[in-house]
Each structure stands twice: as structure tokens, then as C-alpha cells.
Amino acid sequence: VTAALLVGYIPQFLRARGLSQQLDATRQILQSCQARTREAE
């Protein structure tokens, strides 16, 4: 049962961690774009 739970949990955990990193990178890009927009305004 423990092995079955880990087999289901680990891929989802890795996927969630990858998506979290992508989200952080996207937020940084968004902040940079917002700063450039303020400068342009």
C-alpha cells in the first residue's frame, strides 16, 4: 500500500514542483514587463 501511494504521489509532486517553478519564472517576467510599461508610460 505504501509503495502504491508513493508511485502515485511522487510523479504528481514532481509535476507540481515543476509547475511552481514555471509560475515563479512567469511572475518575474510579468514584473519586468510591468516595470517597463510604467517606464514607457
PDB file of all heavy atoms in Angstrom:
ATOM      1  N   VAL A   1       0.843  -1.204   0.000  1.00  0.00           N
ATOM      2  CA  VAL A   1       0.000   0.000   0.000  1.00  0.00           C
ATOM      3  C   VAL A   1       0.875   1.250   0.000  1.00  0.00           C
ATOM      4  O   VAL A   1       0.627   2.205  -0.751  1.00  0.00           O
ATOM      5  CB  VAL A   1      -0.969  -0.015   1.203  1.00  0.00           C
ATOM      6  CG1 VAL A   1      -1.638   1.340   1.389  1.00  0.00           C
ATOM      7  CG2 VAL A   1      -2.018  -1.092   1.021  1.00  0.00           C
ATOM      8  N   THR A   2       1.921   1.254   0.823  1.00  0.00           N
ATOM      9  CA  THR A   2       2.832   2.396   0.870  1.00  0.00           C
ATOM     10  C   THR A   2       3.503   2.600  -0.481  1.00  0.00           C
ATOM     11  O   THR A   2       3.610   3.732  -0.971  1.00  0.00           O
ATOM     12  CB  THR A   2       3.886   2.195   1.970  1.00  0.00           C
ATOM     13  OG1 THR A   2       3.225   1.999   3.216  1.00  0.00           O
ATOM     14  CG2 THR A   2       4.815   3.391   2.059  1.00  0.00           C
ATOM     15  N   ALA A   3       3.948   1.530  -1.094  1.00  0.00           N
ATOM     16  CA  ALA A   3       4.593   1.630  -2.413  1.00  0.00           C
ATOM     17  C   ALA A   3       3.616   2.169  -3.449  1.00  0.00           C
ATOM     18  O   ALA A   3       3.971   3.011  -4.278  1.00  0.00           O
ATOM     19  CB  ALA A   3       5.143   0.277  -2.833  1.00  0.00           C
ATOM     20  N   ALA A   4       2.385   1.697  -3.416  1.00  0.00           N
ATOM     21  CA  ALA A   4       1.375   2.170  -4.371  1.00  0.00           C
ATOM     22  C   ALA A   4       1.106   3.660  -4.185  1.00  0.00           C
ATOM     23  O   ALA A   4       0.972   4.414  -5.154  1.00  0.00           O
ATOM     24  CB  ALA A   4       0.092   1.364  -4.220  1.00  0.00           C
ATOM     25  N   LEU A   5       1.022   4.102  -2.933  1.00  0.00           N
ATOM     26  CA  LEU A   5       0.800   5.522  -2.671  1.00  0.00           C
ATOM     27  C   LEU A   5       1.972   6.366  -3.171  1.00  0.00           C
ATOM     28  O   LEU A   5       1.782   7.428  -3.766  1.00  0.00           O
ATOM     29  CB  LEU A   5       0.581   5.757  -1.182  1.00  0.00           C
ATOM     30  CG  LEU A   5      -0.760   5.278  -0.623  1.00  0.00           C
ATOM     31  CD1 LEU A   5      -0.788   5.415   0.893  1.00  0.00           C
ATOM     32  CD2 LEU A   5      -1.912   6.045  -1.233  1.00  0.00           C
ATOM     33  N   LEU A   6       3.185   5.888  -2.918  1.00  0.00           N
ATOM     34  CA  LEU A   6       4.362   6.625  -3.377  1.00  0.00           C
ATOM     35  C   LEU A   6       4.439   6.679  -4.897  1.00  0.00           C
ATOM     36  O   LEU A   6       4.811   7.703  -5.461  1.00  0.00           O
ATOM     37  CB  LEU A   6       5.637   6.016  -2.793  1.00  0.00           C
ATOM     38  CG  LEU A   6       5.863   6.258  -1.301  1.00  0.00           C
ATOM     39  CD1 LEU A   6       7.113   5.528  -0.828  1.00  0.00           C
ATOM     40  CD2 LEU A   6       5.961   7.735  -1.001  1.00  0.00           C
ATOM     41  N   VAL A   7       4.087   5.584  -5.543  1.00  0.00           N
ATOM     42  CA  VAL A   7       4.111   5.555  -7.016  1.00  0.00           C
ATOM     43  C   VAL A   7       3.129   6.584  -7.579  1.00  0.00           C
ATOM     44  O   VAL A   7       3.394   7.232  -8.585  1.00  0.00           O
ATOM     45  CB  VAL A   7       3.806   4.131  -7.544  1.00  0.00           C
ATOM     46  CG1 VAL A   7       3.489   4.137  -9.021  1.00  0.00           C
ATOM     47  CG2 VAL A   7       4.974   3.211  -7.255  1.00  0.00           C
ATOM     48  N   GLY A   8       2.019   6.809  -6.912  1.00  0.00           N
ATOM     49  CA  GLY A   8       1.057   7.816  -7.366  1.00  0.00           C
ATOM     50  C   GLY A   8       1.426   9.225  -6.946  1.00  0.00           C
ATOM     51  O   GLY A   8       1.149  10.190  -7.647  1.00  0.00           O
ATOM     52  N   TYR A   9       2.074   9.345  -5.794  1.00  0.00           N
ATOM     53  CA  TYR A   9       2.356  10.652  -5.236  1.00  0.00           C
ATOM     54  C   TYR A   9       3.588  11.317  -5.849  1.00  0.00           C
ATOM     55  O   TYR A   9       3.565  12.512  -6.149  1.00  0.00           O
ATOM     56  CB  TYR A   9       2.552  10.524  -3.719  1.00  0.00           C
ATOM     57  CG  TYR A   9       2.994  11.796  -3.053  1.00  0.00           C
ATOM     58  CD1 TYR A   9       2.106  12.828  -2.817  1.00  0.00           C
ATOM     59  CD2 TYR A   9       4.329  11.983  -2.685  1.00  0.00           C
ATOM     60  CE1 TYR A   9       2.514  14.000  -2.212  1.00  0.00           C
ATOM     61  CE2 TYR A   9       4.754  13.159  -2.080  1.00  0.00           C
ATOM     62  CZ  TYR A   9       3.838  14.160  -1.844  1.00  0.00           C
ATOM     63  OH  TYR A   9       4.255  15.325  -1.256  1.00  0.00           O
ATOM     64  N   ILE A  10       4.641  10.578  -6.030  1.00  0.00           N
ATOM     65  CA  ILE A  10       5.917  11.153  -6.482  1.00  0.00           C
ATOM     66  C   ILE A  10       5.795  11.849  -7.837  1.00  0.00           C
ATOM     67  O   ILE A  10       6.224  12.994  -7.968  1.00  0.00           O
ATOM     68  CB  ILE A  10       7.035  10.096  -6.460  1.00  0.00           C
ATOM     69  CG1 ILE A  10       7.369   9.742  -5.006  1.00  0.00           C
ATOM     70  CG2 ILE A  10       8.280  10.587  -7.185  1.00  0.00           C
ATOM     71  CD1 ILE A  10       8.344   8.601  -4.841  1.00  0.00           C
ATOM     72  N   PRO A  11       5.198  11.232  -8.858  1.00  0.00           N
ATOM     73  CA  PRO A  11       5.080  11.965 -10.138  1.00  0.00           C
ATOM     74  C   PRO A  11       4.258  13.250 -10.013  1.00  0.00           C
ATOM     75  O   PRO A  11       4.594  14.273 -10.611  1.00  0.00           O
ATOM     76  CB  PRO A  11       4.403  10.971 -11.076  1.00  0.00           C
ATOM     77  CG  PRO A  11       4.630   9.634 -10.467  1.00  0.00           C
ATOM     78  CD  PRO A  11       4.728   9.856  -8.989  1.00  0.00           C
ATOM     79  N   GLN A  12       3.192  13.203  -9.216  1.00  0.00           N
ATOM     80  CA  GLN A  12       2.375  14.399  -9.035  1.00  0.00           C
ATOM     81  C   GLN A  12       3.154  15.488  -8.289  1.00  0.00           C
ATOM     82  O   GLN A  12       3.047  16.662  -8.607  1.00  0.00           O
ATOM     83  CB  GLN A  12       1.083  14.060  -8.273  1.00  0.00           C
ATOM     84  CG  GLN A  12       0.110  13.231  -9.070  1.00  0.00           C
ATOM     85  CD  GLN A  12      -0.342  13.949 -10.333  1.00  0.00           C
ATOM     86  OE1 GLN A  12      -0.574  15.163 -10.331  1.00  0.00           O
ATOM     87  NE2 GLN A  12      -0.455  13.212 -11.422  1.00  0.00           N
ATOM     88  N   PHE A  13       3.939  15.072  -7.311  1.00  0.00           N
ATOM     89  CA  PHE A  13       4.764  16.027  -6.571  1.00  0.00           C
ATOM     90  C   PHE A  13       5.785  16.680  -7.495  1.00  0.00           C
ATOM     91  O   PHE A  13       5.965  17.902  -7.475  1.00  0.00           O
ATOM     92  CB  PHE A  13       5.483  15.321  -5.409  1.00  0.00           C
ATOM     93  CG  PHE A  13       6.494  16.189  -4.730  1.00  0.00           C
ATOM     94  CD1 PHE A  13       6.098  17.175  -3.845  1.00  0.00           C
ATOM     95  CD2 PHE A  13       7.851  16.035  -4.990  1.00  0.00           C
ATOM     96  CE1 PHE A  13       7.038  17.987  -3.220  1.00  0.00           C
ATOM     97  CE2 PHE A  13       8.796  16.842  -4.379  1.00  0.00           C
ATOM     98  CZ  PHE A  13       8.377  17.818  -3.484  1.00  0.00           C
ATOM     99  N   LEU A  14       6.444  15.884  -8.314  1.00  0.00           N
ATOM    100  CA  LEU A  14       7.444  16.424  -9.240  1.00  0.00           C
ATOM    101  C   LEU A  14       6.792  17.355 -10.259  1.00  0.00           C
ATOM    102  O   LEU A  14       7.334  18.408 -10.590  1.00  0.00           O
ATOM    103  CB  LEU A  14       8.185  15.286  -9.942  1.00  0.00           C
ATOM    104  CG  LEU A  14       9.064  14.409  -9.029  1.00  0.00           C
ATOM    105  CD1 LEU A  14       9.653  13.247  -9.823  1.00  0.00           C
ATOM    106  CD2 LEU A  14      10.151  15.235  -8.378  1.00  0.00           C
ATOM    107  N   ARG A  15       5.623  16.984 -10.738  1.00  0.00           N
ATOM    108  CA  ARG A  15       4.898  17.826 -11.697  1.00  0.00           C
ATOM    109  C   ARG A  15       4.507  19.158 -11.048  1.00  0.00           C
ATOM    110  O   ARG A  15       4.683  20.228 -11.641  1.00  0.00           O
ATOM    111  CB  ARG A  15       3.660  17.102 -12.197  1.00  0.00           C
ATOM    112  CG  ARG A  15       2.876  17.888 -13.217  1.00  0.00           C
ATOM    113  CD  ARG A  15       1.742  17.033 -13.815  1.00  0.00           C
ATOM    114  NE  ARG A  15       1.007  17.807 -14.756  1.00  0.00           N
ATOM    115  CZ  ARG A  15      -0.171  18.374 -14.488  1.00  0.00           C
ATOM    116  NH1 ARG A  15      -0.739  18.225 -13.308  1.00  0.00           N
ATOM    117  NH2 ARG A  15      -0.797  19.086 -15.404  1.00  0.00           N
ATOM    118  N   ALA A  16       3.997  19.087  -9.819  1.00  0.00           N
ATOM    119  CA  ALA A  16       3.592  20.308  -9.111  1.00  0.00           C
ATOM    120  C   ALA A  16       4.801  21.211  -8.854  1.00  0.00           C
ATOM    121  O   ALA A  16       4.710  22.436  -8.985  1.00  0.00           O
ATOM    122  CB  ALA A  16       2.913  19.953  -7.793  1.00  0.00           C
ATOM    123  N   ARG A  17       5.930  20.610  -8.502  1.00  0.00           N
ATOM    124  CA  ARG A  17       7.132  21.411  -8.255  1.00  0.00           C
ATOM    125  C   ARG A  17       7.603  22.087  -9.543  1.00  0.00           C
ATOM    126  O   ARG A  17       7.974  23.257  -9.539  1.00  0.00           O
ATOM    127  CB  ARG A  17       8.244  20.533  -7.680  1.00  0.00           C
ATOM    128  CG  ARG A  17       9.430  21.358  -7.230  1.00  0.00           C
ATOM    129  CD  ARG A  17      10.434  20.548  -6.484  1.00  0.00           C
ATOM    130  NE  ARG A  17      11.021  19.563  -7.390  1.00  0.00           N
ATOM    131  CZ  ARG A  17      12.005  18.746  -7.067  1.00  0.00           C
ATOM    132  NH1 ARG A  17      12.488  18.753  -5.856  1.00  0.00           N
ATOM    133  NH2 ARG A  17      12.485  17.899  -7.947  1.00  0.00           N
ATOM    134  N   GLY A  18       7.547  21.376 -10.659  1.00  0.00           N
ATOM    135  CA  GLY A  18       7.920  21.967 -11.950  1.00  0.00           C
ATOM    136  C   GLY A  18       6.991  23.106 -12.336  1.00  0.00           C
ATOM    137  O   GLY A  18       7.444  24.153 -12.820  1.00  0.00           O
ATOM    138  N   LEU A  19       5.697  22.910 -12.120  1.00  0.00           N
ATOM    139  CA  LEU A  19       4.735  23.972 -12.427  1.00  0.00           C
ATOM    140  C   LEU A  19       4.939  25.185 -11.522  1.00  0.00           C
ATOM    141  O   LEU A  19       4.785  26.329 -11.962  1.00  0.00           O
ATOM    142  CB  LEU A  19       3.305  23.440 -12.303  1.00  0.00           C
ATOM    143  CG  LEU A  19       2.888  22.437 -13.370  1.00  0.00           C
ATOM    144  CD1 LEU A  19       1.516  21.856 -13.038  1.00  0.00           C
ATOM    145  CD2 LEU A  19       2.889  23.067 -14.749  1.00  0.00           C
ATOM    146  N   SER A  20       5.286  24.949 -10.275  1.00  0.00           N
ATOM    147  CA  SER A  20       5.551  26.045  -9.352  1.00  0.00           C
ATOM    148  C   SER A  20       6.760  26.860  -9.811  1.00  0.00           C
ATOM    149  O   SER A  20       6.745  28.096  -9.758  1.00  0.00           O
ATOM    150  CB  SER A  20       5.789  25.491  -7.946  1.00  0.00           C
ATOM    151  OG  SER A  20       6.123  26.528  -7.062  1.00  0.00           O
ATOM    152  N   GLN A  21       7.785  26.182 -10.287  1.00  0.00           N
ATOM    153  CA  GLN A  21       8.964  26.885 -10.793  1.00  0.00           C
ATOM    154  C   GLN A  21       8.624  27.688 -12.047  1.00  0.00           C
ATOM    155  O   GLN A  21       9.095  28.815 -12.221  1.00  0.00           O
ATOM    156  CB  GLN A  21      10.094  25.892 -11.073  1.00  0.00           C
ATOM    157  CG  GLN A  21      10.688  25.294  -9.819  1.00  0.00           C
ATOM    158  CD  GLN A  21      11.651  24.155 -10.097  1.00  0.00           C
ATOM    159  OE1 GLN A  21      11.721  23.627 -11.209  1.00  0.00           O
ATOM    160  NE2 GLN A  21      12.400  23.755  -9.075  1.00  0.00           N
ATOM    161  N   GLN A  22       7.799  27.117 -12.920  1.00  0.00           N
ATOM    162  CA  GLN A  22       7.375  27.847 -14.123  1.00  0.00           C
ATOM    163  C   GLN A  22       6.564  29.086 -13.731  1.00  0.00           C
ATOM    164  O   GLN A  22       6.711  30.148 -14.337  1.00  0.00           O
ATOM    165  CB  GLN A  22       6.537  26.953 -15.029  1.00  0.00           C
ATOM    166  CG  GLN A  22       7.322  25.921 -15.778  1.00  0.00           C
ATOM    167  CD  GLN A  22       6.427  25.046 -16.644  1.00  0.00           C
ATOM    168  OE1 GLN A  22       5.201  25.065 -16.537  1.00  0.00           O
ATOM    169  NE2 GLN A  22       7.049  24.276 -17.521  1.00  0.00           N
ATOM    170  N   LEU A  23       5.710  28.931 -12.734  1.00  0.00           N
ATOM    171  CA  LEU A  23       4.900  30.053 -12.275  1.00  0.00           C
ATOM    172  C   LEU A  23       5.781  31.166 -11.713  1.00  0.00           C
ATOM    173  O   LEU A  23       5.559  32.345 -11.991  1.00  0.00           O
ATOM    174  CB  LEU A  23       3.895  29.589 -11.222  1.00  0.00           C
ATOM    175  CG  LEU A  23       2.962  30.649 -10.647  1.00  0.00           C
ATOM    176  CD1 LEU A  23       2.121  31.287 -11.738  1.00  0.00           C
ATOM    177  CD2 LEU A  23       2.081  30.033  -9.572  1.00  0.00           C
ATOM    178  N   ASP A  24       6.791  30.801 -10.936  1.00  0.00           N
ATOM    179  CA  ASP A  24       7.716  31.806 -10.401  1.00  0.00           C
ATOM    180  C   ASP A  24       8.435  32.545 -11.525  1.00  0.00           C
ATOM    181  O   ASP A  24       8.575  33.772 -11.481  1.00  0.00           O
ATOM    182  CB  ASP A  24       8.740  31.154  -9.466  1.00  0.00           C
ATOM    183  CG  ASP A  24       8.122  30.689  -8.155  1.00  0.00           C
ATOM    184  OD1 ASP A  24       7.007  31.149  -7.818  1.00  0.00           O
ATOM    185  OD2 ASP A  24       8.760  29.848  -7.475  1.00  0.00           O
ATOM    186  N   ALA A  25       8.891  31.806 -12.535  1.00  0.00           N
ATOM    187  CA  ALA A  25       9.573  32.432 -13.671  1.00  0.00           C
ATOM    188  C   ALA A  25       8.621  33.367 -14.416  1.00  0.00           C
ATOM    189  O   ALA A  25       9.002  34.475 -14.812  1.00  0.00           O
ATOM    190  CB  ALA A  25      10.130  31.370 -14.617  1.00  0.00           C
ATOM    191  N   THR A  26       7.384  32.948 -14.581  1.00  0.00           N
ATOM    192  CA  THR A  26       6.392  33.771 -15.273  1.00  0.00           C
ATOM    193  C   THR A  26       6.091  35.038 -14.477  1.00  0.00           C
ATOM    194  O   THR A  26       5.943  36.118 -15.049  1.00  0.00           O
ATOM    195  CB  THR A  26       5.107  32.964 -15.511  1.00  0.00           C
ATOM    196  OG1 THR A  26       5.427  31.798 -16.267  1.00  0.00           O
ATOM    197  CG2 THR A  26       4.069  33.773 -16.255  1.00  0.00           C
ATOM    198  N   ARG A  27       6.038  34.916 -13.162  1.00  0.00           N
ATOM    199  CA  ARG A  27       5.805  36.098 -12.322  1.00  0.00           C
ATOM    200  C   ARG A  27       6.948  37.099 -12.450  1.00  0.00           C
ATOM    201  O   ARG A  27       6.724  38.307 -12.486  1.00  0.00           O
ATOM    202  CB  ARG A  27       5.640  35.691 -10.860  1.00  0.00           C
ATOM    203  CG  ARG A  27       4.293  35.112 -10.552  1.00  0.00           C
ATOM    204  CD  ARG A  27       4.129  34.834  -9.069  1.00  0.00           C
ATOM    205  NE  ARG A  27       2.802  34.299  -8.816  1.00  0.00           N
ATOM    206  CZ  ARG A  27       2.530  33.327  -7.966  1.00  0.00           C
ATOM    207  NH1 ARG A  27       3.508  32.782  -7.260  1.00  0.00           N
ATOM    208  NH2 ARG A  27       1.304  32.903  -7.798  1.00  0.00           N
ATOM    209  N   GLN A  28       8.168  36.603 -12.516  1.00  0.00           N
ATOM    210  CA  GLN A  28       9.312  37.505 -12.683  1.00  0.00           C
ATOM    211  C   GLN A  28       9.242  38.224 -14.025  1.00  0.00           C
ATOM    212  O   GLN A  28       9.514  39.427 -14.105  1.00  0.00           O
ATOM    213  CB  GLN A  28      10.624  36.728 -12.557  1.00  0.00           C
ATOM    214  CG  GLN A  28      10.919  36.270 -11.150  1.00  0.00           C
ATOM    215  CD  GLN A  28      12.186  35.424 -11.072  1.00  0.00           C
ATOM    216  OE1 GLN A  28      12.723  34.977 -12.074  1.00  0.00           O
ATOM    217  NE2 GLN A  28      12.664  35.209  -9.853  1.00  0.00           N
ATOM    218  N   ILE A  29       8.877  37.504 -15.067  1.00  0.00           N
ATOM    219  CA  ILE A  29       8.735  38.118 -16.386  1.00  0.00           C
ATOM    220  C   ILE A  29       7.630  39.169 -16.357  1.00  0.00           C
ATOM    221  O   ILE A  29       7.785  40.271 -16.895  1.00  0.00           O
ATOM    222  CB  ILE A  29       8.462  37.044 -17.461  1.00  0.00           C
ATOM    223  CG1 ILE A  29       9.702  36.165 -17.649  1.00  0.00           C
ATOM    224  CG2 ILE A  29       8.039  37.677 -18.777  1.00  0.00           C
ATOM    225  CD1 ILE A  29       9.450  34.922 -18.485  1.00  0.00           C
ATOM    226  N   LEU A  30       6.524  38.838 -15.706  1.00  0.00           N
ATOM    227  CA  LEU A  30       5.407  39.781 -15.603  1.00  0.00           C
ATOM    228  C   LEU A  30       5.827  41.046 -14.869  1.00  0.00           C
ATOM    229  O   LEU A  30       5.516  42.162 -15.305  1.00  0.00           O
ATOM    230  CB  LEU A  30       4.223  39.127 -14.884  1.00  0.00           C
ATOM    231  CG  LEU A  30       3.019  40.025 -14.606  1.00  0.00           C
ATOM    232  CD1 LEU A  30       2.423  40.547 -15.907  1.00  0.00           C
ATOM    233  CD2 LEU A  30       1.987  39.280 -13.787  1.00  0.00           C
ATOM    234  N   GLN A  31       6.556  40.912 -13.762  1.00  0.00           N
ATOM    235  CA  GLN A  31       7.013  42.082 -13.022  1.00  0.00           C
ATOM    236  C   GLN A  31       7.938  42.942 -13.869  1.00  0.00           C
ATOM    237  O   GLN A  31       7.859  44.168 -13.839  1.00  0.00           O
ATOM    238  CB  GLN A  31       7.707  41.649 -11.729  1.00  0.00           C
ATOM    239  CG  GLN A  31       6.754  41.100 -10.694  1.00  0.00           C
ATOM    240  CD  GLN A  31       7.466  40.518  -9.479  1.00  0.00           C
ATOM    241  OE1 GLN A  31       8.670  40.305  -9.503  1.00  0.00           O
ATOM    242  NE2 GLN A  31       6.718  40.264  -8.424  1.00  0.00           N
ATOM    243  N   SER A  32       8.804  42.301 -14.634  1.00  0.00           N
ATOM    244  CA  SER A  32       9.705  43.043 -15.518  1.00  0.00           C
ATOM    245  C   SER A  32       8.907  43.796 -16.579  1.00  0.00           C
ATOM    246  O   SER A  32       9.185  44.970 -16.856  1.00  0.00           O
ATOM    247  CB  SER A  32      10.697  42.081 -16.170  1.00  0.00           C
ATOM    248  OG  SER A  32      11.464  42.739 -17.134  1.00  0.00           O
ATOM    249  N   CYS A  33       7.920  43.143 -17.151  1.00  0.00           N
ATOM    250  CA  CYS A  33       7.087  43.794 -18.168  1.00  0.00           C
ATOM    251  C   CYS A  33       6.288  44.949 -17.573  1.00  0.00           C
ATOM    252  O   CYS A  33       6.141  46.002 -18.212  1.00  0.00           O
ATOM    253  CB  CYS A  33       6.137  42.783 -18.811  1.00  0.00           C
ATOM    254  SG  CYS A  33       6.961  41.589 -19.878  1.00  0.00           S
ATOM    255  N   GLN A  34       5.793  44.773 -16.358  1.00  0.00           N
ATOM    256  CA  GLN A  34       5.045  45.848 -15.714  1.00  0.00           C
ATOM    257  C   GLN A  34       5.946  47.049 -15.439  1.00  0.00           C
ATOM    258  O   GLN A  34       5.534  48.195 -15.623  1.00  0.00           O
ATOM    259  CB  GLN A  34       4.408  45.352 -14.414  1.00  0.00           C
ATOM    260  CG  GLN A  34       3.241  44.418 -14.648  1.00  0.00           C
ATOM    261  CD  GLN A  34       2.739  43.775 -13.362  1.00  0.00           C
ATOM    262  OE1 GLN A  34       3.488  43.596 -12.400  1.00  0.00           O
ATOM    263  NE2 GLN A  34       1.474  43.405 -13.352  1.00  0.00           N
ATOM    264  N   ALA A  35       7.183  46.794 -15.029  1.00  0.00           N
ATOM    265  CA  ALA A  35       8.126  47.894 -14.780  1.00  0.00           C
ATOM    266  C   ALA A  35       8.418  48.638 -16.079  1.00  0.00           C
ATOM    267  O   ALA A  35       8.453  49.869 -16.104  1.00  0.00           O
ATOM    268  CB  ALA A  35       9.411  47.350 -14.172  1.00  0.00           C
ATOM    269  N   ARG A  36       8.630  47.898 -17.151  1.00  0.00           N
ATOM    270  CA  ARG A  36       8.895  48.546 -18.446  1.00  0.00           C
ATOM    271  C   ARG A  36       7.687  49.338 -18.921  1.00  0.00           C
ATOM    272  O   ARG A  36       7.837  50.407 -19.524  1.00  0.00           O
ATOM    273  CB  ARG A  36       9.294  47.502 -19.483  1.00  0.00           C
ATOM    274  CG  ARG A  36      10.684  46.964 -19.253  1.00  0.00           C
ATOM    275  CD  ARG A  36      11.078  46.004 -20.317  1.00  0.00           C
ATOM    276  NE  ARG A  36      12.416  45.501 -20.071  1.00  0.00           N
ATOM    277  CZ  ARG A  36      13.106  44.811 -20.941  1.00  0.00           C
ATOM    278  NH1 ARG A  36      12.593  44.517 -22.114  1.00  0.00           N
ATOM    279  NH2 ARG A  36      14.318  44.392 -20.641  1.00  0.00           N
ATOM    280  N   THR A  37       6.497  48.825 -18.656  1.00  0.00           N
ATOM    281  CA  THR A  37       5.281  49.543 -19.045  1.00  0.00           C
ATOM    282  C   THR A  37       5.162  50.847 -18.267  1.00  0.00           C
ATOM    283  O   THR A  37       4.817  51.888 -18.837  1.00  0.00           O
ATOM    284  CB  THR A  37       4.045  48.659 -18.809  1.00  0.00           C
ATOM    285  OG1 THR A  37       4.153  47.487 -19.614  1.00  0.00           O
ATOM    286  CG2 THR A  37       2.759  49.392 -19.147  1.00  0.00           C
ATOM    287  N   ARG A  38       5.459  50.804 -16.967  1.00  0.00           N
ATOM    288  CA  ARG A  38       5.417  52.037 -16.165  1.00  0.00           C
ATOM    289  C   ARG A  38       6.427  53.056 -16.688  1.00  0.00           C
ATOM    290  O   ARG A  38       6.122  54.245 -16.802  1.00  0.00           O
ATOM    291  CB  ARG A  38       5.688  51.722 -14.697  1.00  0.00           C
ATOM    292  CG  ARG A  38       4.528  51.061 -13.981  1.00  0.00           C
ATOM    293  CD  ARG A  38       4.761  50.972 -12.488  1.00  0.00           C
ATOM    294  NE  ARG A  38       5.908  50.148 -12.146  1.00  0.00           N
ATOM    295  CZ  ARG A  38       5.860  48.839 -11.906  1.00  0.00           C
ATOM    296  NH1 ARG A  38       4.719  48.196 -11.993  1.00  0.00           N
ATOM    297  NH2 ARG A  38       6.966  48.175 -11.572  1.00  0.00           N
ATOM    298  N   GLU A  39       7.627  52.577 -17.019  1.00  0.00           N
ATOM    299  CA  GLU A  39       8.646  53.477 -17.571  1.00  0.00           C
ATOM    300  C   GLU A  39       8.174  54.079 -18.885  1.00  0.00           C
ATOM    301  O   GLU A  39       8.357  55.277 -19.128  1.00  0.00           O
ATOM    302  CB  GLU A  39       9.951  52.724 -17.787  1.00  0.00           C
ATOM    303  CG  GLU A  39      10.652  52.315 -16.512  1.00  0.00           C
ATOM    304  CD  GLU A  39      11.889  51.461 -16.774  1.00  0.00           C
ATOM    305  OE1 GLU A  39      12.437  51.517 -17.898  1.00  0.00           O
ATOM    306  OE2 GLU A  39      12.286  50.730 -15.858  1.00  0.00           O
ATOM    307  N   ALA A  40       7.569  53.273 -19.732  1.00  0.00           N
ATOM    308  CA  ALA A  40       7.089  53.761 -21.030  1.00  0.00           C
ATOM    309  C   ALA A  40       5.970  54.785 -20.847  1.00  0.00           C
ATOM    310  O   ALA A  40       5.919  55.791 -21.561  1.00  0.00           O
ATOM    311  CB  ALA A  40       6.613  52.595 -21.893  1.00  0.00           C
ATOM    312  N   GLU A  41       5.078  54.535 -19.891  1.00  0.00           N
ATOM    313  CA  GLU A  41       4.002  55.497 -19.625  1.00  0.00           C
ATOM    314  C   GLU A  41       4.569  56.837 -19.161  1.00  0.00           C
ATOM    315  O   GLU A  41       4.116  57.893 -19.604  1.00  0.00           O
ATOM    316  CB  GLU A  41       3.051  54.943 -18.558  1.00  0.00           C
ATOM    317  CG  GLU A  41       2.189  53.807 -19.049  1.00  0.00           C
ATOM    318  CD  GLU A  41       1.394  53.141 -17.923  1.00  0.00           C
ATOM    319  OE1 GLU A  41       1.669  53.416 -16.717  1.00  0.00           O
ATOM    320  OE2 GLU A  41       0.515  52.341 -18.239  1.00  0.00           O
TER     321      GLU A  41
END
